[in-house]
Amino acid sequence: MWFQMISLVLDVVAGLLAGTCLLRLVMQRQRISFHQPMGRFVFALTDWLVLPLRKVIPAWSTWDLSSLVGAWLIKLAQVGVLWTLSGATAPWVLLPWYSVLSLLQLVVSGLSALVLVYALMSWINPGSPVYELVARLAEPVLRPFRRWVPLIGGVDLSPLVLLVALQVLSLLLMNLQMPGLR
């Protein structure tokens, strides 16, 4: 029971920090302004890690690799703590691999939440400023699905197809994660 509670708290904290690093990566890639409340929140939560990493990790094209490495380091720390607490028998050299899987799981969860929020906001309040931010983040991921999924009666079902694909990917990733840390 204690392990599950610690695991939950670590998952929330690491998910928030690593997810914010990933959000920073995508917002910079999409050239979304950080001069709005969400941008200030992202900077406030990630500057302590990303700025020092930038001194040693250069950007690659329009990708801020320091944000990506920061997210991975957070997930590596989470997996390492859980590995230690669980008394896992898996070799410690596999921890970087498990942290990559954990980071991918976070990406899938974040994309699922983003697409769900995007779909709901498109029905409820498509004129809000938050919708514009969510749309700029979700549209590049939805674009390939829109090419394959036709409109049915004027309704765009591509978010639903993407959500199903993300859930399948999530199940695959869960099966690859370290036993005992699921």
Protein backbone atom coordinates (compact mmCIF):
# COMPACT_ATOMS: atom_id res chain seq x y z
CA MET A 1 0.00 0.00 0.00
CA TRP A 2 2.82 2.46 0.84
CA PHE A 3 4.52 1.76 -2.45
CA GLN A 4 1.30 2.49 -4.35
CA MET A 5 0.84 5.81 -2.52
CA ILE A 6 4.43 6.86 -3.13
CA SER A 7 4.12 5.74 -6.73
CA LEU A 8 0.98 7.85 -7.16
CA VAL A 9 2.58 10.97 -5.68
CA LEU A 10 5.73 10.50 -7.78
CA ASP A 11 3.63 9.93 -10.88
CA VAL A 12 1.70 13.17 -10.32
CA VAL A 13 4.78 15.28 -9.54
CA ALA A 14 6.97 13.78 -12.27
CA GLY A 15 4.08 13.87 -14.74
CA LEU A 16 3.45 17.55 -14.05
CA LEU A 17 7.12 18.54 -14.31
CA ALA A 18 7.99 16.33 -17.30
CA GLY A 19 4.71 17.15 -19.03
CA THR A 20 5.40 20.86 -18.62
CA CYS A 21 8.87 20.38 -20.12
CA LEU A 22 7.24 18.62 -23.08
CA LEU A 23 4.67 21.41 -23.36
CA ARG A 24 7.53 23.91 -23.46
CA LEU A 25 9.15 21.88 -26.24
CA VAL A 26 5.98 21.85 -28.34
CA MET A 27 5.06 25.48 -27.65
CA GLN A 28 8.51 26.58 -28.80
CA ARG A 29 8.31 24.32 -31.85
CA GLN A 30 4.88 25.76 -32.77
CA ARG A 31 6.08 29.31 -31.98
CA ILE A 32 3.28 29.82 -29.48
CA SER A 33 3.73 32.98 -27.45
CA PHE A 34 4.86 32.57 -23.88
CA HIS A 35 3.45 36.04 -23.05
CA GLN A 36 0.16 34.59 -21.85
CA PRO A 37 -0.76 32.82 -18.59
CA MET A 38 0.02 29.30 -19.82
CA GLY A 39 3.41 30.38 -21.16
CA ARG A 40 4.35 32.08 -17.88
CA PHE A 41 3.29 28.94 -16.00
CA VAL A 42 5.45 26.76 -18.27
CA PHE A 43 8.48 29.00 -17.77
CA ALA A 44 7.97 29.18 -14.01
CA LEU A 45 7.78 25.40 -13.70
CA THR A 46 10.63 24.46 -16.05
CA ASP A 47 13.26 27.22 -16.02
CA TRP A 48 15.12 25.67 -13.05
CA LEU A 49 15.89 22.59 -15.17
CA VAL A 50 15.81 23.70 -18.80
CA LEU A 51 18.01 26.79 -18.53
CA PRO A 52 21.03 24.95 -17.04
CA LEU A 53 20.59 22.15 -19.59
CA ARG A 54 20.68 24.71 -22.42
CA LYS A 55 24.26 25.52 -21.48
CA VAL A 56 25.34 22.01 -22.48
CA ILE A 57 22.61 20.84 -24.89
CA PRO A 58 22.11 22.96 -28.00
CA ALA A 59 18.81 23.25 -29.83
CA TRP A 60 18.43 21.15 -32.96
CA SER A 61 16.73 23.09 -35.73
CA THR A 62 13.50 24.32 -34.11
CA TRP A 63 13.52 21.61 -31.44
CA ASP A 64 14.51 22.59 -27.90
CA LEU A 65 16.38 19.44 -26.94
CA SER A 66 17.07 20.72 -23.42
CA SER A 67 13.32 20.58 -22.69
CA LEU A 68 13.14 17.02 -24.01
CA VAL A 69 16.20 15.92 -22.02
CA GLY A 70 14.78 17.65 -18.94
CA ALA A 71 11.54 15.69 -19.26
CA TRP A 72 13.50 12.46 -19.68
CA LEU A 73 15.69 13.19 -16.65
CA ILE A 74 12.61 13.76 -14.50
CA LYS A 75 11.12 10.44 -15.63
CA LEU A 76 14.50 8.74 -15.10
CA ALA A 77 14.55 10.02 -11.52
CA GLN A 78 10.99 8.79 -10.99
CA VAL A 79 11.72 5.34 -12.39
CA GLY A 80 14.95 5.16 -10.38
CA VAL A 81 13.19 5.96 -7.11
CA LEU A 82 10.42 3.45 -7.82
CA TRP A 83 12.97 0.83 -8.87
CA THR A 84 14.85 1.32 -5.60
CA LEU A 85 11.73 1.29 -3.42
CA SER A 86 10.27 -1.78 -5.09
CA GLY A 87 13.39 -3.87 -4.69
CA ALA A 88 13.17 -4.63 -8.38
CA THR A 89 15.28 -7.46 -9.73
CA ALA A 90 15.62 -5.91 -13.17
CA PRO A 91 19.17 -4.73 -13.94
CA TRP A 92 19.70 -1.03 -13.24
CA VAL A 93 21.15 -0.54 -16.74
CA LEU A 94 17.58 -0.94 -18.04
CA LEU A 95 16.38 2.16 -16.13
CA PRO A 96 17.06 4.55 -19.05
CA TRP A 97 14.93 2.30 -21.29
CA TYR A 98 12.12 2.18 -18.72
CA SER A 99 12.27 5.95 -18.33
CA VAL A 100 11.91 6.38 -22.12
CA LEU A 101 8.85 4.12 -22.00
CA SER A 102 7.49 6.14 -19.08
CA LEU A 103 8.08 9.36 -21.03
CA LEU A 104 6.31 7.92 -24.07
CA GLN A 105 3.41 6.91 -21.82
CA LEU A 106 3.27 10.50 -20.58
CA VAL A 107 3.23 11.79 -24.17
CA VAL A 108 0.35 9.44 -25.03
CA SER A 109 -1.61 10.49 -21.94
CA GLY A 110 -0.96 14.17 -22.63
CA LEU A 111 -2.02 13.85 -26.26
CA SER A 112 -5.17 12.02 -25.22
CA ALA A 113 -6.09 14.78 -22.79
CA LEU A 114 -5.25 17.46 -25.36
CA VAL A 115 -7.42 15.87 -28.07
CA LEU A 116 -10.29 15.36 -25.65
CA VAL A 117 -10.13 19.00 -24.49
CA TYR A 118 -9.86 20.13 -28.12
CA ALA A 119 -12.93 18.13 -29.17
CA LEU A 120 -15.02 19.33 -26.23
CA MET A 121 -13.99 22.97 -26.65
CA SER A 122 -14.74 22.85 -30.38
CA TRP A 123 -18.34 22.02 -29.50
CA ILE A 124 -18.74 24.24 -26.44
CA ASN A 125 -16.64 27.39 -26.88
CA PRO A 126 -14.59 27.51 -30.09
CA GLY A 127 -14.14 31.28 -29.83
CA SER A 128 -12.22 31.35 -26.55
CA PRO A 129 -8.52 32.28 -26.39
CA VAL A 130 -7.75 28.98 -24.67
CA TYR A 131 -9.29 27.13 -27.62
CA GLU A 132 -6.82 28.85 -29.95
CA LEU A 133 -3.90 27.58 -27.86
CA VAL A 134 -5.34 24.06 -27.65
CA ALA A 135 -6.07 24.05 -31.39
CA ARG A 136 -2.51 25.10 -32.26
CA LEU A 137 -1.21 22.23 -30.16
CA ALA A 138 -3.71 19.60 -31.37
CA GLU A 139 -4.02 20.40 -35.08
CA PRO A 140 -0.59 19.03 -36.16
CA VAL A 141 -1.38 15.69 -34.51
CA LEU A 142 -4.89 15.52 -35.95
CA ARG A 143 -3.91 16.54 -39.48
CA PRO A 144 -2.79 13.05 -40.67
CA PHE A 145 -5.96 11.46 -39.27
CA ARG A 146 -8.13 13.99 -41.06
CA ARG A 147 -6.66 12.83 -44.36
CA TRP A 148 -7.84 9.27 -43.67
CA VAL A 149 -11.12 9.84 -41.84
CA PRO A 150 -13.80 11.54 -43.94
CA LEU A 151 -16.41 13.84 -42.46
CA ILE A 152 -19.58 11.91 -41.70
CA GLY A 153 -22.65 14.09 -41.88
CA GLY A 154 -20.43 17.14 -41.38
CA VAL A 155 -18.95 15.72 -38.16
CA ASP A 156 -15.18 15.32 -37.81
CA LEU A 157 -14.51 11.91 -36.26
CA SER A 158 -10.71 12.16 -36.53
CA PRO A 159 -10.32 13.06 -32.81
CA LEU A 160 -12.18 9.87 -31.90
CA VAL A 161 -9.99 7.76 -34.21
CA LEU A 162 -6.86 9.40 -32.76
CA LEU A 163 -8.06 8.73 -29.20
CA VAL A 164 -8.59 5.04 -30.01
CA ALA A 165 -5.13 4.84 -31.61
CA LEU A 166 -3.59 6.52 -28.54
CA GLN A 167 -5.34 4.06 -26.22
CA VAL A 168 -3.98 1.12 -28.22
CA LEU A 169 -0.49 2.64 -28.06
CA SER A 170 -0.92 3.16 -24.32
CA LEU A 171 -1.75 -0.51 -23.83
CA LEU A 172 1.32 -1.54 -25.83
CA LEU A 173 3.54 0.74 -23.76
CA MET A 174 2.11 -0.57 -20.49
CA ASN A 175 3.02 -4.10 -21.50
CA LEU A 176 6.64 -3.01 -22.08
CA GLN A 177 7.04 -1.24 -18.73
CA MET A 178 9.07 -2.71 -15.93
CA PRO A 179 7.13 -5.39 -14.00
CA GLY A 180 6.45 -4.27 -10.46
CA LEU A 181 6.28 -0.59 -11.42
CA ARG A 182 3.01 -0.75 -13.33
